[in-house]
């Protein structure tokens, strides 16, 4: 790999041992993927927080040791300096307010809070969400980023037009200290053109429909780049968020185009650039039903847990849940958790949505989700969720049954204890 003089100096230790370790990691990473050089980044979103029993032995040696081993792949413990570029902590495993409800041991909560203090002193922002773009981290079109989290990456590439691959905790840890990331994959302009055309022949408008479309498309195209056209109502942030999360769950989609909607596809021709579509795909009633059926892993219509907000809910989604619950009570045998970023939770508190949801018997959770934390209400057997991503992962992770549907269908199930949803 070709390094600049400044990068060579970092590698040689001129800026301290932590940055030298970071450069060594980035050099090995770049060589493995065939990158010719590094590219500057000023936007990192990764996983730095430490709050699991498995790393207790590392924590006992200090948080420098945690960052060294988990974020720099370093056997040597090095002192971690302030990060070189703006850096965001993504979702964690513990809700700092509702940890008792999650069934988390208090020692892990203290560990997480100590970790957050350590990281904050080094300039890492504790946004603690899988949707950093909803709470202020909005990179510009063409900006090179180093982001983790599949649903965040596909949104970053597709909706914002910024550039990132799906990074890991090690590469983001190194990027945060150096402001560098290997120049390969979606950082290269020639790799951002569409590959598959998806003709949509039915109306796609509701959030549930966008989730079904994403789930079907991801399974069919896998890691390729779909270009959508047809009967698509102009989507909102929320709908694109759920489409991308679903496509990145059933497949490995990291970027898509919708001509006239996403920034790198003003036209169908621009979406494909110098290439022709490799495949022409169709999404109609049969494909919609096929996706819906694959997301239903439950047979028992009695539900005991409703999970809303994966990816984390926008304030409009929290308001909708509050509207549907106002003056009503959740079934006594059902738990309802509504997940949203902590910053949006505060907006919900001030607007009265938090009070309304809690009065109905629900909980607004922040910082985490069941797929990451592996924590659910005790005794859960059957869940219902508005998230295609959660419906895909959680039944397998937690060994339970799952229903997928709209927000209204999920809230109705929370109120009645019975799943009545369908297409």
Protein backbone atom coordinates (compact mmCIF):
# COMPACT_ATOMS: atom_id res chain seq x y z
CA UNK A 1 0.00 0.00 0.00
CA UNK A 2 1.09 3.54 -0.71
CA UNK A 3 1.28 5.64 2.44
CA UNK A 4 1.73 9.39 2.72
CA UNK A 5 4.62 10.77 4.76
CA UNK A 6 2.20 11.58 7.58
CA UNK A 7 0.79 8.04 7.54
CA UNK A 8 4.30 6.55 7.54
CA UNK A 9 5.18 8.71 10.54
CA UNK A 10 2.10 7.47 12.42
CA UNK A 11 3.03 3.87 11.57
CA UNK A 12 6.56 4.46 12.84
CA UNK A 13 5.29 5.76 16.18
CA UNK A 14 5.84 9.51 15.76
CA UNK A 15 2.33 10.17 17.12
CA UNK A 16 2.41 7.60 19.90
CA UNK A 17 2.05 3.83 20.26
CA UNK A 18 -1.76 3.74 19.96
CA UNK A 19 -1.74 5.41 16.54
CA UNK A 20 1.12 3.16 15.48
CA UNK A 21 -0.97 0.12 16.40
CA UNK A 22 -3.94 1.61 14.58
CA UNK A 23 -1.88 2.18 11.44
CA UNK A 24 -0.51 -1.35 11.59
CA UNK A 25 -4.09 -2.68 11.73
CA UNK A 26 -5.23 -0.50 8.83
CA UNK A 27 -2.22 -1.53 6.77
CA UNK A 28 -2.96 -5.24 7.29
CA UNK A 29 -6.65 -4.66 6.57
CA UNK A 30 -5.93 -2.69 3.39
CA UNK A 31 -3.51 -5.30 2.11
CA UNK A 32 -6.06 -8.07 2.74
CA UNK A 33 -8.73 -6.34 0.62
CA UNK A 34 -6.34 -5.14 -2.09
CA UNK A 35 -6.54 -1.43 -1.32
CA UNK A 36 -3.81 0.68 -2.91
CA UNK A 37 -3.95 3.43 -0.29
CA UNK A 38 -5.83 4.88 2.64
CA UNK A 39 -8.39 7.68 2.44
CA UNK A 40 -9.07 10.41 4.99
CA UNK A 41 -12.24 10.15 7.02
CA UNK A 42 -13.74 12.59 9.49
CA UNK A 43 -16.76 10.52 10.47
CA UNK A 44 -16.48 7.28 12.44
CA UNK A 45 -19.37 5.31 13.95
CA UNK A 46 -18.39 2.16 15.80
CA UNK A 47 -18.70 -0.05 18.88
CA UNK A 48 -16.38 1.01 21.68
CA UNK A 49 -18.41 0.45 24.83
CA UNK A 50 -17.61 -2.43 27.18
CA UNK A 51 -20.46 -3.98 29.13
CA UNK A 52 -20.46 -7.79 28.90
CA UNK A 53 -19.34 -10.42 31.43
CA UNK A 54 -17.03 -12.01 28.86
CA UNK A 55 -14.61 -9.08 28.93
CA UNK A 56 -14.41 -8.73 32.72
CA UNK A 57 -10.84 -10.03 32.72
CA UNK A 58 -9.83 -7.33 30.24
CA UNK A 59 -11.66 -4.60 32.14
CA UNK A 60 -9.76 -5.54 35.29
CA UNK A 61 -6.61 -4.37 33.45
CA UNK A 62 -8.22 -1.01 32.62
CA UNK A 63 -10.11 0.50 29.72
CA UNK A 64 -6.90 1.17 27.79
CA UNK A 65 -6.57 -2.62 27.68
CA UNK A 66 -10.16 -2.99 26.46
CA UNK A 67 -9.66 -0.56 23.58
CA UNK A 68 -6.24 -2.05 22.76
CA UNK A 69 -7.54 -5.60 22.48
CA UNK A 70 -11.06 -5.09 21.12
CA UNK A 71 -10.64 -1.98 18.96
CA UNK A 72 -7.00 -2.22 17.86
CA UNK A 73 -6.40 -6.00 17.81
CA UNK A 74 -3.34 -5.35 19.94
CA UNK A 75 -1.84 -7.79 22.43
CA UNK A 76 0.13 -4.91 23.90
CA UNK A 77 -1.79 -2.49 26.10
CA UNK A 78 -1.27 1.04 24.80
CA UNK A 79 -2.50 4.30 26.26
CA UNK A 80 -5.47 5.53 24.23
CA UNK A 81 -5.35 9.23 23.31
CA UNK A 82 -8.18 11.52 22.27
CA UNK A 83 -9.69 10.47 18.94
CA UNK A 84 -8.47 12.32 15.87
CA UNK A 85 -11.85 12.76 14.16
CA UNK A 86 -15.55 13.00 15.16
CA UNK A 87 -16.55 9.58 16.45
CA UNK A 88 -19.94 8.15 17.48
CA UNK A 89 -20.73 5.20 19.71
CA UNK A 90 -23.39 3.02 18.13
CA UNK A 91 -25.91 0.84 19.97
CA UNK A 92 -24.91 -0.82 23.25
CA UNK A 93 -26.22 -3.77 25.26
CA UNK A 94 -27.69 -1.95 28.25
CA UNK A 95 -30.32 0.74 28.71
CA UNK A 96 -28.81 2.91 31.45
CA UNK A 97 -32.30 3.82 32.72
CA UNK A 98 -34.18 0.53 32.29
CA UNK A 99 -31.44 -1.96 33.13
CA UNK A 100 -33.43 -3.55 35.94
CA UNK A 101 -36.29 -4.23 33.52
CA UNK A 102 -33.77 -5.85 31.17
CA UNK A 103 -32.56 -8.09 34.00
CA UNK A 104 -28.99 -6.73 33.88
CA UNK A 105 -26.63 -7.18 36.82
CA UNK A 106 -25.76 -3.87 38.46
CA UNK A 107 -22.05 -4.57 38.13
CA UNK A 108 -22.38 -4.51 34.33
CA UNK A 109 -24.20 -1.18 34.50
CA UNK A 110 -21.36 0.29 36.56
CA UNK A 111 -18.88 -1.14 34.07
CA UNK A 112 -20.73 0.44 31.15
CA UNK A 113 -20.94 3.84 32.83
CA UNK A 114 -17.23 3.75 33.65
CA UNK A 115 -16.49 2.78 30.06
CA UNK A 116 -18.62 5.64 28.74
CA UNK A 117 -16.76 8.12 30.95
CA UNK A 118 -13.41 6.81 29.67
CA UNK A 119 -14.54 7.06 26.05
CA UNK A 120 -16.18 10.46 26.50
CA UNK A 121 -12.95 11.87 27.90
CA UNK A 122 -11.33 10.78 24.65
CA UNK A 123 -13.90 12.52 22.46
CA UNK A 124 -16.22 9.63 21.57
CA UNK A 125 -19.86 10.75 21.54
CA UNK A 126 -22.24 8.44 23.40
CA UNK A 127 -25.16 8.57 20.95
CA UNK A 128 -25.78 4.84 21.62
CA UNK A 129 -28.05 4.20 18.65
CA UNK A 130 -28.08 2.19 15.43
CA UNK A 131 -29.43 5.32 13.68
CA UNK A 132 -26.79 8.03 14.25
CA UNK A 133 -28.23 9.98 11.31
CA UNK A 134 -31.39 10.56 13.38
CA UNK A 135 -29.51 12.32 16.17
CA UNK A 136 -27.15 14.65 14.35
CA UNK A 137 -24.51 12.53 12.60
CA UNK A 138 -25.43 13.30 9.00
CA UNK A 139 -22.43 13.12 6.65
CA UNK A 140 -22.41 15.04 3.38
CA UNK A 141 -22.80 13.43 -0.03
CA UNK A 142 -19.43 12.05 -1.13
CA UNK A 143 -17.94 12.16 2.39
CA UNK A 144 -15.77 9.18 3.30
CA UNK A 145 -16.95 7.52 6.53
CA UNK A 146 -16.03 4.49 8.63
CA UNK A 147 -19.31 3.09 9.94
CA UNK A 148 -20.42 -0.19 11.46
CA UNK A 149 -24.00 -1.57 11.65
CA UNK A 150 -25.60 -2.90 8.49
CA UNK A 151 -28.75 -0.75 8.58
CA UNK A 152 -26.71 2.40 9.24
CA UNK A 153 -24.25 1.63 6.44
CA UNK A 154 -26.93 1.07 3.78
CA UNK A 155 -28.63 4.34 4.82
CA UNK A 156 -25.31 6.20 4.76
CA UNK A 157 -24.42 4.98 1.27
CA UNK A 158 -27.85 5.10 -0.33
CA UNK A 159 -29.90 7.88 1.25
CA UNK A 160 -27.12 10.27 2.24
CA UNK A 161 -24.72 9.51 -0.61
CA UNK A 162 -21.77 9.32 1.78
CA UNK A 163 -19.27 6.48 1.37
CA UNK A 164 -18.53 3.61 3.72
CA UNK A 165 -18.10 -0.13 3.78
CA UNK A 166 -19.49 -2.26 6.60
CA UNK A 167 -16.65 -1.85 9.05
CA UNK A 168 -15.89 -3.70 12.28
CA UNK A 169 -15.01 -2.60 15.80
CA UNK A 170 -11.30 -2.97 15.02
CA UNK A 171 -11.24 -0.90 11.83
CA UNK A 172 -13.46 1.81 13.32
CA UNK A 173 -11.28 1.84 16.44
CA UNK A 174 -8.22 2.41 14.26
CA UNK A 175 -9.97 4.97 12.05
CA UNK A 176 -11.04 7.00 15.09
CA UNK A 177 -7.41 7.43 16.18
CA UNK A 178 -5.91 8.07 12.74
CA UNK A 179 -8.63 9.61 10.57
CA UNK A 180 -7.86 6.99 7.92
CA UNK A 181 -9.60 3.95 6.41
CA UNK A 182 -8.60 1.71 3.44
CA UNK A 183 -9.73 3.08 0.09
CA UNK A 184 -11.67 0.18 -1.38
CA UNK A 185 -15.22 -1.11 -1.93
CA UNK A 186 -17.88 1.60 -1.69
CA UNK A 187 -15.30 4.36 -1.32
CA UNK A 188 -14.50 3.91 -5.03
CA UNK A 189 -16.93 5.70 -7.40
CA UNK A 190 -16.92 2.84 -9.92
CA UNK A 191 -18.26 0.43 -7.30
CA UNK A 192 -21.37 2.45 -6.52
CA UNK A 193 -23.41 1.87 -9.68
CA UNK A 194 -26.50 -0.35 -9.64
CA UNK A 195 -26.39 -3.98 -10.76
CA UNK A 196 -30.00 -5.27 -10.61
CA UNK A 197 -33.19 -3.54 -11.71
CA UNK A 198 -36.28 -4.21 -9.59
CA UNK A 199 -39.59 -3.35 -11.24
CA UNK A 200 -42.28 -2.78 -8.61
CA UNK A 201 -45.78 -3.41 -10.01
CA UNK A 202 -47.83 -2.83 -6.83
CA UNK A 203 -48.23 0.20 -4.61
CA UNK A 204 -45.55 0.39 -1.92
CA UNK A 205 -46.42 3.07 0.62
CA UNK A 206 -46.87 1.81 4.18
CA UNK A 207 -43.78 1.19 6.32
CA UNK A 208 -44.66 -2.51 6.48
CA UNK A 209 -44.71 -2.69 2.68
CA UNK A 210 -41.28 -1.06 2.47
CA UNK A 211 -40.00 -3.66 4.93
CA UNK A 212 -41.45 -6.48 2.83
CA UNK A 213 -39.97 -5.00 -0.35
CA UNK A 214 -36.57 -4.73 1.30
CA UNK A 215 -36.73 -8.26 2.66
CA UNK A 216 -37.61 -9.72 -0.74
CA UNK A 217 -35.02 -7.65 -2.62
CA UNK A 218 -32.20 -8.46 -0.19
CA UNK A 219 -32.82 -12.19 -0.42
CA UNK A 220 -32.80 -12.08 -4.23
CA UNK A 221 -29.87 -9.74 -4.94
CA UNK A 222 -27.74 -10.70 -1.89
CA UNK A 223 -24.65 -8.40 -1.86
CA UNK A 224 -25.46 -6.63 -5.14
CA UNK A 225 -26.88 -3.13 -5.69
CA UNK A 226 -30.57 -2.98 -6.60
CA UNK A 227 -32.18 -0.11 -8.48
CA UNK A 228 -35.89 0.27 -7.75
CA UNK A 229 -38.49 1.65 -10.12
CA UNK A 230 -42.24 1.45 -10.51
CA UNK A 231 -45.14 2.18 -8.17
CA UNK A 232 -43.17 3.60 -5.27
CA UNK A 233 -44.81 6.43 -3.35
CA UNK A 234 -42.17 9.03 -2.51
CA UNK A 235 -40.70 7.47 0.65
CA UNK A 236 -39.87 9.15 3.95
CA UNK A 237 -36.76 8.70 6.07
CA UNK A 238 -38.64 6.11 8.11
CA UNK A 239 -39.61 3.99 5.11
CA UNK A 240 -36.12 4.08 3.59
CA UNK A 241 -34.69 3.19 7.00
CA UNK A 242 -36.86 0.06 7.20
CA UNK A 243 -36.32 -0.89 3.56
CA UNK A 244 -32.55 -0.76 4.00
CA UNK A 245 -32.55 -2.64 7.31
CA UNK A 246 -34.63 -5.43 5.77
CA UNK A 247 -32.47 -5.67 2.63
CA UNK A 248 -29.31 -5.80 4.73
CA UNK A 249 -30.82 -8.60 6.87
CA UNK A 250 -32.14 -11.04 4.26
CA UNK A 251 -29.15 -10.27 2.03
CA UNK A 252 -25.93 -8.31 2.23
CA UNK A 253 -27.10 -5.13 0.51
CA UNK A 254 -24.94 -2.11 1.39
CA UNK A 255 -26.27 0.28 -1.26
CA UNK A 256 -29.31 0.78 -3.47
CA UNK A 257 -30.72 3.45 -5.77
CA UNK A 258 -34.21 4.85 -6.31
CA UNK A 259 -34.16 7.23 -9.30
CA UNK A 260 -35.43 10.66 -8.34
CA UNK A 261 -35.12 9.87 -4.61
CA UNK A 262 -31.59 8.82 -3.68
CA UNK A 263 -28.84 11.37 -4.43
CA UNK A 264 -26.66 9.38 -6.82
CA UNK A 265 -29.56 8.41 -9.10
CA UNK A 266 -31.34 11.40 -10.53
CA UNK A 267 -32.36 9.11 -13.39
CA UNK A 268 -32.44 5.37 -14.07
CA UNK A 269 -29.51 5.81 -16.45
CA UNK A 270 -27.43 7.56 -13.81
CA UNK A 271 -28.12 4.76 -11.34
CA UNK A 272 -26.48 2.19 -13.62
CA UNK A 273 -23.79 4.50 -15.03
CA UNK A 274 -21.82 2.84 -17.82
CA UNK A 275 -23.34 -0.59 -17.09
CA UNK A 276 -26.48 -2.43 -18.06
CA UNK A 277 -28.59 -4.27 -15.45
CA UNK A 278 -27.27 -7.76 -14.80
CA UNK A 279 -30.80 -8.95 -13.97
CA UNK A 280 -34.36 -7.65 -14.28
CA UNK A 281 -36.45 -8.55 -11.24
CA UNK A 282 -40.15 -8.13 -10.45
CA UNK A 283 -41.96 -7.34 -7.20
CA UNK A 284 -45.72 -7.81 -7.20
CA UNK A 285 -48.44 -9.34 -5.05
CA UNK A 286 -46.92 -12.84 -5.14
CA UNK A 287 -43.48 -11.61 -4.09
CA UNK A 288 -44.97 -9.42 -1.36
CA UNK A 289 -46.84 -12.39 0.10
CA UNK A 290 -43.77 -14.60 -0.19
CA UNK A 291 -41.73 -12.12 1.86
CA UNK A 292 -44.52 -11.74 4.42
CA UNK A 293 -44.84 -15.51 4.90
CA UNK A 294 -41.09 -15.94 5.39
CA UNK A 295 -41.16 -13.36 8.18
CA UNK A 296 -43.85 -15.21 10.15
CA UNK A 297 -42.21 -17.80 12.39
CA UNK A 298 -45.12 -18.04 14.86
CA UNK A 299 -48.12 -20.36 15.01
CA UNK A 300 -49.45 -19.33 18.44
CA UNK A 301 -51.56 -16.16 18.17
CA UNK A 302 -51.25 -15.41 21.88
CA UNK A 303 -48.43 -12.87 22.16
CA UNK A 304 -46.55 -11.79 25.27
CA UNK A 305 -44.00 -9.29 23.94
CA UNK A 306 -44.30 -6.45 21.43
CA UNK A 307 -41.02 -4.94 20.21
CA UNK A 308 -41.19 -1.70 18.17
CA UNK A 309 -38.22 0.22 16.84
CA UNK A 310 -35.52 -1.68 14.97
CA UNK A 311 -33.81 0.34 13.60
CA UNK A 312 -34.49 2.83 16.40
CA UNK A 313 -37.73 4.79 16.05
CA UNK A 314 -37.90 8.35 14.77
CA UNK A 315 -39.97 10.80 16.81
CA UNK A 316 -42.87 10.45 14.34
CA UNK A 317 -42.99 6.72 15.07
CA UNK A 318 -43.00 7.27 18.83
CA UNK A 319 -45.82 9.79 18.42
CA UNK A 320 -47.85 7.27 16.41
CA UNK A 321 -47.49 4.65 19.15
CA UNK A 322 -48.55 7.21 21.77
CA UNK A 323 -51.53 8.21 19.63
CA UNK A 324 -52.66 4.59 19.28
CA UNK A 325 -52.29 3.96 23.03
CA UNK A 326 -53.79 7.19 24.39
CA UNK A 327 -56.43 6.41 27.03
CA UNK A 328 -56.00 2.64 26.65
CA UNK A 329 -54.27 -0.14 28.59
CA UNK A 330 -51.92 -2.85 27.39
CA UNK A 331 -53.04 -6.41 28.13
CA UNK A 332 -51.72 -7.51 31.55
CA UNK A 333 -49.92 -10.53 30.04
CA UNK A 334 -48.10 -8.46 27.38
CA UNK A 335 -44.96 -6.31 27.56
CA UNK A 336 -44.46 -3.46 25.06
CA UNK A 337 -41.00 -1.99 24.51
CA UNK A 338 -40.61 0.98 22.16
CA UNK A 339 -36.97 1.54 21.16
CA UNK A 340 -35.62 4.96 20.21
CA UNK A 341 -32.37 6.95 20.58
CA UNK A 342 -31.90 8.64 23.96
CA UNK A 343 -32.02 12.09 22.33
CA UNK A 344 -35.39 11.28 20.75
CA UNK A 345 -36.62 9.83 24.04
CA UNK A 346 -36.07 13.25 25.60
CA UNK A 347 -38.13 14.87 22.84
CA UNK A 348 -40.84 12.29 23.49
CA UNK A 349 -40.73 13.10 27.19
CA UNK A 350 -41.20 16.82 26.58
CA UNK A 351 -44.03 16.22 24.10
CA UNK A 352 -45.90 13.95 26.52
CA UNK A 353 -45.51 10.80 24.41
CA UNK A 354 -43.42 9.06 27.07
CA UNK A 355 -46.08 9.71 29.71
CA UNK A 356 -48.83 8.41 27.42
CA UNK A 357 -46.97 5.20 26.57
CA UNK A 358 -46.07 4.55 30.20
CA UNK A 359 -49.64 5.25 31.35
CA UNK A 360 -50.78 2.52 28.95
CA UNK A 361 -48.25 0.11 30.44
CA UNK A 362 -45.50 0.39 27.82
CA UNK A 363 -41.82 1.29 28.13
CA UNK A 364 -39.61 3.51 25.99
CA UNK A 365 -36.18 1.87 25.81
CA UNK A 366 -32.97 3.54 24.62
CA UNK A 367 -29.34 2.66 23.90
CA UNK A 368 -30.02 -0.95 22.88
CA UNK A 369 -32.43 -3.52 21.39
CA UNK A 370 -33.17 -7.21 22.14
CA UNK A 371 -31.16 -8.47 19.15
CA UNK A 372 -28.03 -6.78 20.54
CA UNK A 373 -28.63 -7.15 24.27
CA UNK A 374 -30.11 -10.69 24.06
CA UNK A 375 -32.43 -9.52 26.85
CA UNK A 376 -36.23 -9.77 26.79
CA UNK A 377 -38.97 -9.81 29.41
CA UNK A 378 -38.89 -12.99 31.45
CA UNK A 379 -40.84 -15.92 30.05
CA UNK A 380 -41.36 -14.57 26.52
CA UNK A 381 -42.58 -17.18 24.05
CA UNK A 382 -44.20 -15.19 21.23
CA UNK A 383 -43.25 -11.73 19.99
CA UNK A 384 -44.75 -9.33 17.49
CA UNK A 385 -42.71 -6.61 15.80
CA UNK A 386 -42.94 -3.97 13.09
CA UNK A 387 -39.33 -4.65 12.09
CA UNK A 388 -38.46 -7.08 9.30
CA UNK A 389 -34.90 -7.07 10.62
CA UNK A 390 -36.00 -8.05 14.12
CA UNK A 391 -38.46 -10.64 12.78
CA UNK A 392 -35.57 -12.14 10.81
CA UNK A 393 -33.04 -12.33 13.65
CA UNK A 394 -34.76 -12.43 17.04
CA UNK A 395 -36.67 -15.76 16.79
CA UNK A 396 -33.40 -17.55 16.00
CA UNK A 397 -31.38 -15.62 18.58
CA UNK A 398 -33.88 -16.03 21.43
CA UNK A 399 -35.49 -19.34 20.37
CA UNK A 400 -39.04 -17.97 20.26
CA UNK A 401 -41.92 -17.47 17.84
CA UNK A 402 -42.35 -14.20 15.95
CA UNK A 403 -45.04 -12.27 14.07
CA UNK A 404 -44.26 -9.40 11.69
CA UNK A 405 -46.74 -6.67 10.85
CA UNK A 406 -47.60 -2.99 10.88
CA UNK A 407 -47.33 -0.66 13.87
CA UNK A 408 -51.12 -0.68 14.23
CA UNK A 409 -51.26 -4.47 14.13
CA UNK A 410 -48.56 -4.67 16.79
CA UNK A 411 -50.27 -2.14 19.05
CA UNK A 412 -53.58 -3.98 18.65
CA UNK A 413 -51.82 -7.18 19.75
CA UNK A 414 -50.38 -5.37 22.76
CA UNK A 415 -53.88 -4.27 23.77
CA UNK A 416 -55.63 -7.60 23.21
CA UNK A 417 -52.90 -10.17 23.77
CA UNK A 418 -53.83 -11.76 20.43
CA UNK A 419 -52.19 -11.48 17.01
CA UNK A 420 -54.76 -10.66 14.34
CA UNK A 421 -52.43 -9.14 11.76
CA UNK A 422 -52.21 -10.13 8.14
CA UNK A 423 -51.78 -8.78 4.62
